N, C-alpha and C. Protein backbone atom coordinates (compact mmCIF):
# COMPACT_ATOMS: atom_id res chain seq x y z
N UNK A 1 0.76 -74.39 5.82
CA UNK A 1 1.22 -73.05 5.44
C UNK A 1 0.13 -72.01 5.74
N UNK A 2 0.44 -70.92 6.50
CA UNK A 2 -0.54 -69.92 6.89
C UNK A 2 -0.82 -68.95 5.73
N UNK A 3 -2.09 -68.59 5.53
CA UNK A 3 -2.40 -67.64 4.43
C UNK A 3 -1.82 -66.26 4.72
N UNK A 4 -1.43 -65.57 3.64
CA UNK A 4 -0.84 -64.24 3.75
C UNK A 4 -1.93 -63.22 4.06
N UNK A 5 -1.73 -62.41 5.12
CA UNK A 5 -2.69 -61.38 5.51
C UNK A 5 -2.09 -59.99 5.26
N UNK A 6 -2.91 -59.14 4.65
CA UNK A 6 -2.47 -57.77 4.37
C UNK A 6 -2.91 -56.86 5.50
N UNK A 7 -1.97 -56.11 6.06
CA UNK A 7 -2.26 -55.19 7.15
C UNK A 7 -2.48 -53.78 6.59
N UNK A 8 -3.50 -53.05 7.07
CA UNK A 8 -3.71 -51.67 6.56
C UNK A 8 -2.57 -50.76 6.96
N UNK A 9 -2.28 -49.82 6.08
CA UNK A 9 -1.21 -48.88 6.38
C UNK A 9 -1.58 -48.00 7.56
N UNK A 10 -0.57 -47.58 8.31
CA UNK A 10 -0.80 -46.76 9.50
C UNK A 10 -1.39 -45.41 9.14
N UNK A 11 -0.96 -44.84 8.01
CA UNK A 11 -1.46 -43.53 7.60
C UNK A 11 -2.94 -43.59 7.28
N UNK A 12 -3.37 -44.70 6.64
CA UNK A 12 -4.77 -44.84 6.29
C UNK A 12 -5.62 -44.99 7.53
N UNK A 13 -5.10 -45.72 8.55
CA UNK A 13 -5.85 -45.91 9.78
C UNK A 13 -6.01 -44.60 10.53
N UNK A 14 -5.07 -43.74 10.37
CA UNK A 14 -5.12 -42.47 11.10
C UNK A 14 -6.04 -41.45 10.43
N UNK A 15 -6.61 -41.80 9.26
CA UNK A 15 -7.50 -40.88 8.57
C UNK A 15 -6.73 -40.07 7.53
N UNK A 16 -7.43 -39.31 6.72
CA UNK A 16 -6.77 -38.52 5.67
C UNK A 16 -5.84 -37.48 6.26
N UNK A 17 -4.71 -37.29 5.56
CA UNK A 17 -3.71 -36.33 6.04
C UNK A 17 -4.22 -34.91 5.87
N UNK A 18 -3.95 -34.10 6.84
CA UNK A 18 -4.36 -32.70 6.77
C UNK A 18 -3.30 -31.88 6.06
N UNK A 19 -3.73 -30.93 5.22
CA UNK A 19 -2.73 -30.09 4.54
C UNK A 19 -2.00 -29.23 5.54
N UNK A 20 -0.70 -29.11 5.34
CA UNK A 20 0.10 -28.27 6.21
C UNK A 20 -0.13 -26.81 5.87
N UNK A 21 -0.03 -25.98 6.89
CA UNK A 21 -0.17 -24.54 6.66
C UNK A 21 1.06 -24.03 5.95
N UNK A 22 0.85 -23.21 4.94
CA UNK A 22 1.95 -22.70 4.15
C UNK A 22 2.45 -21.40 4.75
N UNK A 23 3.77 -21.22 4.84
CA UNK A 23 4.29 -19.95 5.37
C UNK A 23 3.98 -18.81 4.42
N UNK A 24 3.62 -17.67 5.00
CA UNK A 24 3.34 -16.49 4.19
C UNK A 24 2.03 -16.56 3.45
N UNK A 25 1.14 -17.50 3.87
CA UNK A 25 -0.13 -17.64 3.19
C UNK A 25 -1.01 -16.42 3.43
N UNK A 26 -1.76 -15.99 2.41
CA UNK A 26 -2.59 -14.81 2.54
C UNK A 26 -3.88 -15.16 3.26
N UNK A 27 -4.28 -14.32 4.18
CA UNK A 27 -5.56 -14.48 4.85
C UNK A 27 -6.50 -13.43 4.31
N UNK A 28 -7.71 -13.85 3.93
CA UNK A 28 -8.66 -12.93 3.33
C UNK A 28 -9.66 -12.47 4.38
N UNK A 29 -9.93 -11.20 4.39
CA UNK A 29 -10.93 -10.67 5.30
C UNK A 29 -11.79 -9.69 4.53
N UNK A 30 -13.08 -9.63 4.83
CA UNK A 30 -13.96 -8.75 4.08
C UNK A 30 -13.70 -7.29 4.41
N UNK A 31 -13.81 -6.47 3.40
CA UNK A 31 -13.63 -5.03 3.60
C UNK A 31 -14.66 -4.31 2.77
N UNK A 32 -15.47 -3.49 3.40
CA UNK A 32 -16.53 -2.80 2.69
C UNK A 32 -16.07 -1.41 2.29
N UNK A 33 -16.72 -0.88 1.28
CA UNK A 33 -16.42 0.49 0.88
C UNK A 33 -17.03 1.44 1.88
N UNK A 34 -16.72 2.74 1.72
CA UNK A 34 -17.23 3.72 2.65
C UNK A 34 -18.70 4.05 2.44
N UNK A 35 -19.37 3.36 1.54
CA UNK A 35 -20.76 3.68 1.25
C UNK A 35 -21.66 3.29 2.41
N UNK A 36 -22.63 4.13 2.73
CA UNK A 36 -23.50 3.86 3.86
C UNK A 36 -24.50 2.77 3.55
N UNK A 37 -24.96 2.70 2.31
CA UNK A 37 -25.94 1.69 1.95
C UNK A 37 -25.25 0.37 1.73
N UNK A 38 -26.06 -0.71 1.64
CA UNK A 38 -25.51 -2.06 1.51
C UNK A 38 -25.60 -2.58 0.10
N UNK A 39 -25.74 -1.69 -0.89
CA UNK A 39 -25.87 -2.14 -2.27
C UNK A 39 -24.57 -2.71 -2.80
N UNK A 40 -23.44 -2.26 -2.31
CA UNK A 40 -22.16 -2.76 -2.78
C UNK A 40 -21.78 -4.01 -2.02
N UNK A 41 -21.31 -5.03 -2.73
CA UNK A 41 -20.91 -6.27 -2.08
C UNK A 41 -19.57 -6.09 -1.41
N UNK A 42 -19.29 -6.90 -0.34
CA UNK A 42 -17.98 -6.81 0.32
C UNK A 42 -16.86 -7.18 -0.64
N UNK A 43 -15.72 -6.56 -0.49
CA UNK A 43 -14.55 -6.84 -1.31
C UNK A 43 -13.52 -7.55 -0.46
N UNK A 44 -13.00 -8.68 -0.92
CA UNK A 44 -11.99 -9.41 -0.17
C UNK A 44 -10.64 -8.73 -0.36
N UNK A 45 -10.01 -8.37 0.75
CA UNK A 45 -8.72 -7.69 0.72
C UNK A 45 -7.70 -8.56 1.41
N UNK A 46 -6.56 -8.79 0.76
CA UNK A 46 -5.54 -9.66 1.32
C UNK A 46 -4.76 -8.92 2.39
N UNK A 47 -4.61 -9.55 3.54
CA UNK A 47 -3.79 -8.99 4.62
C UNK A 47 -2.47 -9.73 4.62
N UNK A 48 -1.37 -9.04 4.33
CA UNK A 48 -0.07 -9.68 4.23
C UNK A 48 0.60 -9.72 5.59
N UNK A 49 1.25 -10.83 5.88
CA UNK A 49 1.90 -11.01 7.16
C UNK A 49 3.40 -10.92 7.00
N UNK A 50 4.04 -10.10 7.79
CA UNK A 50 5.49 -9.94 7.76
C UNK A 50 6.11 -10.74 8.89
N UNK A 51 7.43 -10.61 8.99
CA UNK A 51 8.15 -11.33 10.03
C UNK A 51 7.67 -10.94 11.40
N UNK A 52 7.62 -11.95 12.31
CA UNK A 52 7.15 -11.70 13.66
C UNK A 52 5.65 -11.70 13.77
N UNK A 53 4.96 -12.08 12.67
CA UNK A 53 3.51 -12.17 12.72
C UNK A 53 2.79 -10.84 12.65
N UNK A 54 3.49 -9.76 12.34
CA UNK A 54 2.86 -8.45 12.28
C UNK A 54 2.16 -8.28 10.94
N UNK A 55 0.92 -7.81 10.96
CA UNK A 55 0.14 -7.64 9.75
C UNK A 55 0.20 -6.19 9.30
N UNK A 56 0.54 -5.99 8.03
CA UNK A 56 0.62 -4.64 7.48
C UNK A 56 -0.59 -4.38 6.59
N UNK A 57 -0.93 -3.13 6.41
CA UNK A 57 -2.08 -2.77 5.61
C UNK A 57 -1.83 -3.09 4.15
N UNK A 58 -2.83 -3.64 3.48
CA UNK A 58 -2.73 -3.90 2.05
C UNK A 58 -2.89 -2.59 1.30
N UNK A 59 -2.45 -2.60 0.03
CA UNK A 59 -2.50 -1.37 -0.77
C UNK A 59 -3.93 -0.86 -0.90
N UNK A 60 -4.89 -1.77 -1.11
CA UNK A 60 -6.28 -1.35 -1.25
C UNK A 60 -6.80 -0.71 0.04
N UNK A 61 -6.34 -1.21 1.19
CA UNK A 61 -6.75 -0.61 2.47
C UNK A 61 -6.26 0.83 2.58
N UNK A 62 -5.02 1.07 2.12
CA UNK A 62 -4.46 2.42 2.18
C UNK A 62 -5.29 3.37 1.32
N UNK A 63 -5.67 2.92 0.13
CA UNK A 63 -6.47 3.77 -0.75
C UNK A 63 -7.85 4.03 -0.15
N UNK A 64 -8.42 3.03 0.49
CA UNK A 64 -9.71 3.23 1.18
C UNK A 64 -9.56 4.27 2.30
N UNK A 65 -8.46 4.17 3.05
CA UNK A 65 -8.22 5.14 4.12
C UNK A 65 -8.07 6.55 3.55
N UNK A 66 -7.45 6.64 2.37
CA UNK A 66 -7.29 7.94 1.71
C UNK A 66 -8.65 8.57 1.42
N UNK A 67 -9.55 7.82 0.80
CA UNK A 67 -10.88 8.36 0.49
C UNK A 67 -11.67 8.65 1.76
N UNK A 68 -11.51 7.80 2.76
CA UNK A 68 -12.21 8.03 4.02
C UNK A 68 -11.75 9.33 4.67
N UNK A 69 -10.42 9.59 4.64
CA UNK A 69 -9.90 10.83 5.20
C UNK A 69 -10.40 12.05 4.44
N UNK A 70 -10.47 11.95 3.11
CA UNK A 70 -10.98 13.07 2.31
C UNK A 70 -12.45 13.32 2.64
N UNK A 71 -13.23 12.24 2.76
CA UNK A 71 -14.65 12.40 3.09
C UNK A 71 -14.87 13.04 4.45
N UNK A 72 -13.97 12.75 5.39
CA UNK A 72 -14.08 13.33 6.73
C UNK A 72 -13.42 14.71 6.81
N UNK A 73 -12.82 15.15 5.69
CA UNK A 73 -12.08 16.42 5.64
C UNK A 73 -10.97 16.44 6.69
N UNK A 74 -10.27 15.32 6.78
CA UNK A 74 -9.23 15.14 7.81
C UNK A 74 -7.86 15.09 7.14
N UNK A 75 -7.22 16.24 6.98
CA UNK A 75 -5.91 16.30 6.34
C UNK A 75 -4.85 15.56 7.14
N UNK A 76 -4.97 15.56 8.46
CA UNK A 76 -3.99 14.88 9.31
C UNK A 76 -3.99 13.38 9.07
N UNK A 77 -5.13 12.82 8.68
CA UNK A 77 -5.21 11.39 8.39
C UNK A 77 -4.74 11.09 6.98
N UNK A 78 -4.90 12.04 6.07
CA UNK A 78 -4.52 11.83 4.67
C UNK A 78 -3.01 11.95 4.46
N UNK A 79 -2.38 12.89 5.14
CA UNK A 79 -0.96 13.21 4.90
C UNK A 79 -0.03 12.00 5.04
N UNK A 80 -0.13 11.16 6.08
CA UNK A 80 0.80 10.03 6.20
C UNK A 80 0.64 8.97 5.11
N UNK A 81 -0.46 9.00 4.39
CA UNK A 81 -0.70 8.01 3.33
C UNK A 81 0.00 8.39 2.03
N UNK A 82 0.49 9.62 1.94
CA UNK A 82 1.11 10.14 0.72
C UNK A 82 2.62 10.23 0.91
N UNK A 83 3.38 9.69 -0.03
CA UNK A 83 4.84 9.73 0.06
C UNK A 83 5.35 11.14 -0.17
N UNK A 84 6.55 11.41 0.34
CA UNK A 84 7.13 12.75 0.26
C UNK A 84 7.26 13.22 -1.18
N UNK A 85 7.69 12.34 -2.09
CA UNK A 85 7.89 12.72 -3.48
C UNK A 85 6.77 12.29 -4.40
N UNK A 86 5.58 12.15 -3.88
CA UNK A 86 4.43 11.67 -4.66
C UNK A 86 4.12 12.61 -5.83
N UNK A 87 3.68 12.01 -6.93
CA UNK A 87 3.22 12.76 -8.10
C UNK A 87 1.74 12.46 -8.30
N UNK A 88 0.92 13.50 -8.30
CA UNK A 88 -0.53 13.34 -8.42
C UNK A 88 -1.02 14.09 -9.65
N UNK A 89 -1.68 13.37 -10.56
CA UNK A 89 -2.21 13.96 -11.79
C UNK A 89 -3.73 13.97 -11.74
N UNK A 90 -4.30 15.14 -11.71
CA UNK A 90 -5.74 15.31 -11.92
C UNK A 90 -5.88 15.88 -13.32
N UNK A 91 -6.49 15.11 -14.22
CA UNK A 91 -6.49 15.48 -15.63
C UNK A 91 -7.33 16.72 -15.92
N UNK A 92 -7.99 17.27 -14.91
CA UNK A 92 -8.67 18.56 -15.08
C UNK A 92 -7.65 19.69 -15.13
N UNK A 93 -6.49 19.48 -14.50
CA UNK A 93 -5.45 20.51 -14.41
C UNK A 93 -4.36 20.25 -15.46
N UNK A 94 -3.71 21.32 -15.95
CA UNK A 94 -2.71 21.15 -17.02
C UNK A 94 -1.43 20.48 -16.56
N UNK A 95 -1.08 20.60 -15.28
CA UNK A 95 0.18 20.04 -14.78
C UNK A 95 -0.06 19.22 -13.52
N UNK A 96 0.78 18.22 -13.28
CA UNK A 96 0.62 17.41 -12.07
C UNK A 96 1.05 18.16 -10.82
N UNK A 97 0.57 17.71 -9.69
CA UNK A 97 1.01 18.21 -8.39
C UNK A 97 2.14 17.30 -7.90
N UNK A 98 3.28 17.88 -7.59
CA UNK A 98 4.46 17.10 -7.22
C UNK A 98 4.84 17.42 -5.78
N UNK A 99 4.98 16.37 -4.97
CA UNK A 99 5.37 16.55 -3.57
C UNK A 99 4.18 16.52 -2.63
N UNK A 100 4.40 15.97 -1.45
CA UNK A 100 3.31 15.83 -0.47
C UNK A 100 2.69 17.18 -0.11
N UNK A 101 3.53 18.20 0.10
CA UNK A 101 3.02 19.50 0.54
C UNK A 101 2.06 20.10 -0.49
N UNK A 102 2.42 20.02 -1.77
CA UNK A 102 1.55 20.59 -2.81
C UNK A 102 0.25 19.80 -2.93
N UNK A 103 0.36 18.47 -2.79
CA UNK A 103 -0.84 17.64 -2.89
C UNK A 103 -1.77 17.89 -1.72
N UNK A 104 -1.20 17.97 -0.52
CA UNK A 104 -2.02 18.25 0.66
C UNK A 104 -2.64 19.64 0.55
N UNK A 105 -1.88 20.60 0.00
CA UNK A 105 -2.42 21.93 -0.21
C UNK A 105 -3.61 21.92 -1.15
N UNK A 106 -3.52 21.11 -2.22
CA UNK A 106 -4.63 21.01 -3.17
C UNK A 106 -5.87 20.44 -2.49
N UNK A 107 -5.68 19.34 -1.74
CA UNK A 107 -6.83 18.74 -1.08
C UNK A 107 -7.36 19.62 0.04
N UNK A 108 -6.48 20.44 0.64
CA UNK A 108 -6.94 21.40 1.63
C UNK A 108 -7.89 22.41 1.01
N UNK A 109 -7.56 22.90 -0.20
CA UNK A 109 -8.45 23.82 -0.90
C UNK A 109 -9.76 23.13 -1.27
N UNK A 110 -9.64 21.87 -1.71
CA UNK A 110 -10.84 21.10 -2.06
C UNK A 110 -11.77 20.98 -0.86
N UNK A 111 -11.19 20.61 0.29
CA UNK A 111 -12.00 20.42 1.49
C UNK A 111 -12.60 21.74 1.99
N UNK A 112 -11.89 22.84 1.75
CA UNK A 112 -12.37 24.12 2.24
C UNK A 112 -13.45 24.75 1.38
N UNK A 113 -13.55 24.33 0.11
CA UNK A 113 -14.50 24.95 -0.81
C UNK A 113 -15.69 24.05 -1.14
N UNK A 114 -15.55 22.74 -0.93
CA UNK A 114 -16.62 21.81 -1.28
C UNK A 114 -17.42 21.46 -0.02
N UNK A 115 -18.72 21.40 -0.16
CA UNK A 115 -19.59 21.07 0.97
C UNK A 115 -19.23 19.70 1.56
N UNK A 116 -19.20 19.56 2.88
CA UNK A 116 -18.92 18.25 3.49
C UNK A 116 -20.00 17.22 3.19
N UNK A 117 -21.16 17.66 2.69
CA UNK A 117 -22.21 16.72 2.30
C UNK A 117 -21.87 15.99 1.00
N UNK A 118 -20.87 16.49 0.27
CA UNK A 118 -20.45 15.85 -0.97
C UNK A 118 -19.37 14.82 -0.64
N UNK A 119 -19.67 13.54 -0.90
CA UNK A 119 -18.82 12.45 -0.46
C UNK A 119 -18.42 11.55 -1.62
N UNK A 120 -17.17 11.05 -1.58
CA UNK A 120 -16.72 10.04 -2.52
C UNK A 120 -17.32 8.69 -2.11
N UNK A 121 -17.80 7.94 -3.10
CA UNK A 121 -18.32 6.59 -2.87
C UNK A 121 -17.59 5.65 -3.81
N UNK A 122 -16.93 4.65 -3.26
CA UNK A 122 -16.19 3.67 -4.06
C UNK A 122 -17.17 2.68 -4.66
N UNK A 123 -17.17 2.57 -5.99
CA UNK A 123 -17.99 1.57 -6.67
C UNK A 123 -17.28 0.23 -6.74
N UNK A 124 -16.01 0.25 -7.09
CA UNK A 124 -15.23 -0.98 -7.19
C UNK A 124 -13.76 -0.64 -6.98
N UNK A 125 -13.01 -1.61 -6.46
CA UNK A 125 -11.59 -1.38 -6.19
C UNK A 125 -10.85 -2.69 -6.36
N UNK A 126 -9.67 -2.64 -6.97
CA UNK A 126 -8.86 -3.84 -7.15
C UNK A 126 -8.07 -4.11 -5.88
N UNK A 127 -7.92 -5.39 -5.53
CA UNK A 127 -7.25 -5.73 -4.28
C UNK A 127 -6.23 -6.84 -4.44
N UNK A 128 -5.89 -7.20 -5.67
CA UNK A 128 -4.98 -8.32 -5.89
C UNK A 128 -3.52 -7.91 -5.91
N UNK A 129 -3.23 -6.69 -6.34
CA UNK A 129 -1.85 -6.23 -6.49
C UNK A 129 -1.42 -5.50 -5.23
N UNK A 130 -0.22 -5.79 -4.77
CA UNK A 130 0.28 -5.17 -3.54
C UNK A 130 0.92 -3.81 -3.79
N UNK A 131 1.06 -3.41 -5.06
CA UNK A 131 1.73 -2.15 -5.37
C UNK A 131 0.92 -1.23 -6.26
N UNK A 132 -0.22 -1.67 -6.77
CA UNK A 132 -1.02 -0.85 -7.67
C UNK A 132 -2.50 -1.10 -7.40
N UNK A 133 -3.28 -0.03 -7.42
CA UNK A 133 -4.71 -0.12 -7.11
C UNK A 133 -5.49 0.71 -8.12
N UNK A 134 -6.54 0.11 -8.66
CA UNK A 134 -7.47 0.83 -9.52
C UNK A 134 -8.81 1.00 -8.82
N UNK A 135 -9.43 2.15 -9.00
CA UNK A 135 -10.69 2.47 -8.30
C UNK A 135 -11.66 3.11 -9.28
N UNK A 136 -12.92 2.69 -9.22
CA UNK A 136 -13.99 3.45 -9.87
C UNK A 136 -14.87 4.02 -8.76
N UNK A 137 -15.32 5.25 -8.94
CA UNK A 137 -16.04 5.94 -7.87
C UNK A 137 -17.02 6.95 -8.45
N UNK A 138 -17.84 7.49 -7.58
CA UNK A 138 -18.71 8.61 -7.94
C UNK A 138 -18.93 9.46 -6.69
N UNK A 139 -19.49 10.62 -6.87
CA UNK A 139 -19.79 11.52 -5.75
C UNK A 139 -21.28 11.46 -5.43
N UNK A 140 -21.57 11.57 -4.15
CA UNK A 140 -22.96 11.65 -3.70
C UNK A 140 -23.14 12.87 -2.80
N UNK A 141 -24.29 13.51 -2.94
CA UNK A 141 -24.65 14.63 -2.06
C UNK A 141 -25.82 14.20 -1.20
N UNK A 142 -25.55 14.06 0.09
CA UNK A 142 -26.55 13.59 1.05
C UNK A 142 -27.19 12.28 0.60
N UNK A 143 -26.34 11.38 0.13
CA UNK A 143 -26.79 10.04 -0.26
C UNK A 143 -27.36 9.93 -1.65
N UNK A 144 -27.38 11.03 -2.40
CA UNK A 144 -27.91 10.99 -3.76
C UNK A 144 -26.79 11.22 -4.76
N UNK A 145 -26.79 10.48 -5.89
CA UNK A 145 -25.72 10.65 -6.89
C UNK A 145 -25.64 12.09 -7.38
N UNK A 146 -24.41 12.59 -7.45
CA UNK A 146 -24.15 13.95 -7.92
C UNK A 146 -23.93 13.90 -9.43
N UNK A 147 -24.50 14.83 -10.21
CA UNK A 147 -24.37 14.77 -11.67
C UNK A 147 -22.93 14.95 -12.15
N UNK A 148 -22.60 14.24 -13.21
CA UNK A 148 -21.28 14.32 -13.86
C UNK A 148 -20.14 14.11 -12.86
N UNK A 149 -20.27 13.13 -12.00
CA UNK A 149 -19.26 12.94 -10.95
C UNK A 149 -18.62 11.56 -10.97
N UNK A 150 -18.91 10.77 -11.99
CA UNK A 150 -18.26 9.46 -12.04
C UNK A 150 -16.79 9.62 -12.44
N UNK A 151 -15.95 8.77 -11.86
CA UNK A 151 -14.53 8.86 -12.17
C UNK A 151 -13.82 7.56 -11.92
N UNK A 152 -12.58 7.51 -12.36
CA UNK A 152 -11.73 6.35 -12.09
C UNK A 152 -10.33 6.87 -11.75
N UNK A 153 -9.65 6.14 -10.89
CA UNK A 153 -8.34 6.55 -10.41
C UNK A 153 -7.39 5.37 -10.41
N UNK A 154 -6.11 5.69 -10.54
CA UNK A 154 -5.06 4.68 -10.45
C UNK A 154 -4.04 5.16 -9.44
N UNK A 155 -3.58 4.25 -8.58
CA UNK A 155 -2.59 4.58 -7.56
C UNK A 155 -1.48 3.55 -7.57
N UNK A 156 -0.24 4.05 -7.46
CA UNK A 156 0.90 3.16 -7.27
C UNK A 156 1.46 3.42 -5.87
N UNK A 157 1.80 2.33 -5.17
CA UNK A 157 2.24 2.45 -3.78
C UNK A 157 3.58 1.76 -3.57
N UNK A 158 4.31 2.22 -2.57
CA UNK A 158 5.57 1.60 -2.15
C UNK A 158 5.59 1.48 -0.63
N UNK A 159 6.29 0.44 -0.16
CA UNK A 159 6.42 0.25 1.28
C UNK A 159 7.22 1.38 1.90
N UNK A 160 6.79 1.83 3.06
CA UNK A 160 7.49 2.87 3.80
C UNK A 160 7.94 2.30 5.14
N UNK A 161 9.25 2.33 5.39
CA UNK A 161 9.77 1.81 6.65
C UNK A 161 9.35 2.69 7.82
N UNK A 162 9.24 3.98 7.59
CA UNK A 162 8.87 4.89 8.67
C UNK A 162 7.40 4.74 9.06
N UNK A 163 6.52 4.61 8.07
CA UNK A 163 5.10 4.52 8.35
C UNK A 163 4.62 3.10 8.61
N UNK A 164 5.47 2.10 8.31
CA UNK A 164 5.11 0.69 8.50
C UNK A 164 3.87 0.30 7.69
N UNK A 165 3.71 0.95 6.54
CA UNK A 165 2.62 0.61 5.64
C UNK A 165 2.93 1.21 4.27
N UNK A 166 2.27 0.73 3.20
CA UNK A 166 2.51 1.32 1.89
C UNK A 166 2.06 2.78 1.85
N UNK A 167 2.75 3.57 1.03
CA UNK A 167 2.38 4.96 0.80
C UNK A 167 2.13 5.18 -0.69
N UNK A 168 1.26 6.12 -1.00
CA UNK A 168 0.95 6.45 -2.38
C UNK A 168 2.10 7.27 -2.96
N UNK A 169 2.70 6.77 -4.04
CA UNK A 169 3.80 7.49 -4.70
C UNK A 169 3.36 8.09 -6.03
N UNK A 170 2.22 7.63 -6.56
CA UNK A 170 1.71 8.17 -7.82
C UNK A 170 0.19 7.99 -7.84
N UNK A 171 -0.50 9.00 -8.33
CA UNK A 171 -1.95 8.90 -8.48
C UNK A 171 -2.41 9.65 -9.71
N UNK A 172 -3.45 9.13 -10.33
CA UNK A 172 -4.05 9.81 -11.49
C UNK A 172 -5.56 9.70 -11.39
N UNK A 173 -6.24 10.84 -11.54
CA UNK A 173 -7.70 10.90 -11.51
C UNK A 173 -8.23 11.30 -12.88
N UNK A 174 -9.24 10.58 -13.33
CA UNK A 174 -9.93 10.90 -14.58
C UNK A 174 -11.42 11.02 -14.26
N UNK A 175 -11.98 12.20 -14.46
CA UNK A 175 -13.35 12.49 -14.06
C UNK A 175 -14.25 12.60 -15.28
N UNK A 176 -15.49 12.19 -15.13
CA UNK A 176 -16.48 12.27 -16.20
C UNK A 176 -16.63 13.71 -16.67
N UNK A 177 -16.54 13.97 -17.97
CA UNK A 177 -16.68 15.35 -18.46
C UNK A 177 -18.14 15.79 -18.46
N UNK A 178 -18.35 17.06 -18.18
CA UNK A 178 -19.71 17.60 -18.22
C UNK A 178 -20.21 17.69 -19.66
N UNK A 179 -19.31 18.02 -20.59
CA UNK A 179 -19.66 18.07 -22.01
C UNK A 179 -19.23 16.76 -22.67
N UNK A 180 -20.17 16.08 -23.30
CA UNK A 180 -19.89 14.78 -23.91
C UNK A 180 -20.09 14.88 -25.42
N UNK A 181 -18.98 14.95 -26.17
CA UNK A 181 -19.09 15.15 -27.61
C UNK A 181 -19.61 13.94 -28.38
N UNK A 182 -19.54 12.75 -27.79
CA UNK A 182 -20.03 11.56 -28.48
C UNK A 182 -19.23 11.25 -29.73
N UNK A 183 -19.94 11.03 -30.86
CA UNK A 183 -19.26 10.70 -32.11
C UNK A 183 -18.37 11.83 -32.61
N UNK A 184 -18.64 13.05 -32.15
CA UNK A 184 -17.80 14.17 -32.57
C UNK A 184 -16.36 13.98 -32.12
N UNK A 185 -16.16 13.26 -31.01
CA UNK A 185 -14.80 13.01 -30.53
C UNK A 185 -13.99 12.24 -31.56
N UNK A 186 -14.63 11.29 -32.25
CA UNK A 186 -13.93 10.53 -33.29
C UNK A 186 -13.55 11.43 -34.45
N UNK A 187 -14.42 12.36 -34.79
CA UNK A 187 -14.13 13.30 -35.87
C UNK A 187 -12.94 14.18 -35.50
N UNK A 188 -12.90 14.63 -34.24
CA UNK A 188 -11.79 15.47 -33.78
C UNK A 188 -10.48 14.70 -33.81
N UNK A 189 -10.51 13.45 -33.32
CA UNK A 189 -9.29 12.63 -33.32
C UNK A 189 -8.80 12.40 -34.74
N UNK A 190 -9.73 12.10 -35.65
CA UNK A 190 -9.34 11.87 -37.04
C UNK A 190 -8.75 13.14 -37.65
N UNK A 191 -9.33 14.29 -37.32
CA UNK A 191 -8.81 15.54 -37.86
C UNK A 191 -7.42 15.87 -37.35
N UNK A 192 -7.20 15.67 -36.03
CA UNK A 192 -5.87 15.93 -35.47
C UNK A 192 -4.84 14.98 -36.05
N UNK A 193 -5.22 13.71 -36.23
CA UNK A 193 -4.30 12.74 -36.83
C UNK A 193 -3.93 13.13 -38.25
N UNK A 194 -4.92 13.61 -39.01
CA UNK A 194 -4.68 14.03 -40.39
C UNK A 194 -3.66 15.17 -40.42
N UNK A 195 -3.78 16.13 -39.49
CA UNK A 195 -2.85 17.26 -39.44
C UNK A 195 -1.44 16.79 -39.07
N UNK A 196 -1.34 15.89 -38.09
CA UNK A 196 -0.02 15.43 -37.64
C UNK A 196 0.69 14.62 -38.72
N UNK A 197 -0.07 13.89 -39.52
CA UNK A 197 0.56 13.12 -40.59
C UNK A 197 1.19 14.04 -41.64
N UNK A 198 0.67 15.22 -41.80
CA UNK A 198 1.20 16.16 -42.77
C UNK A 198 2.21 17.13 -42.17
N UNK A 199 2.10 17.36 -40.88
CA UNK A 199 3.04 18.24 -40.18
C UNK A 199 3.52 17.55 -38.90
N UNK A 200 4.39 16.54 -39.01
CA UNK A 200 4.82 15.75 -37.84
C UNK A 200 5.50 16.58 -36.76
N UNK A 201 6.13 17.67 -37.14
CA UNK A 201 6.85 18.48 -36.15
C UNK A 201 5.91 19.10 -35.11
N UNK A 202 4.63 19.19 -35.42
CA UNK A 202 3.67 19.76 -34.46
C UNK A 202 3.53 18.90 -33.21
N UNK A 203 3.84 17.61 -33.35
CA UNK A 203 3.72 16.71 -32.19
C UNK A 203 4.69 17.08 -31.08
N UNK A 204 5.79 17.76 -31.43
CA UNK A 204 6.77 18.16 -30.41
C UNK A 204 6.24 19.25 -29.49
N UNK A 205 5.14 19.89 -29.86
CA UNK A 205 4.59 20.96 -29.04
C UNK A 205 3.63 20.45 -27.97
N UNK A 206 3.28 19.18 -28.04
CA UNK A 206 2.33 18.64 -27.06
C UNK A 206 3.00 18.43 -25.72
């Protein structure tokens, strides 16, 4: 009687199986902020692939292009990034700017009155969400930090069939105040709350 011999499996002989490529898998590529110095680390931005292998700009890329256009004082580059019905809130102003034309008009005034040496510098930017982007930034004048210029912004974006890339449909800017009340702010909040608790109808005037 012949002894039983075990034969190795064909898959094992061929070596370990390679993982299959997944459809629609995200490819990461480094993207740096507009800062001239190398103090900021590269940020990984996902490049999404659509049908036919065409790559569209990620939401974070669009926001970077927006700041780059503002820094270059290039309204023609900024305008296509903003949706027709966009709402932009700068909390320095009492009311939001509604519509692309009004927003472009505002940035046109900004570019015409502010020195081109004053530049936005992105400190950090979120790149995980395809429809919402958060940014922290500050201003620099000839490479030096500008006083009271730190800020944070939020942008919501939607795909545009005409532009073949996401467009900004909502934005909000919050800038560092020049006057910093510190603990006095808590006293003010407590005082306003005390008044509203006794006169609730006053809240309707806000």
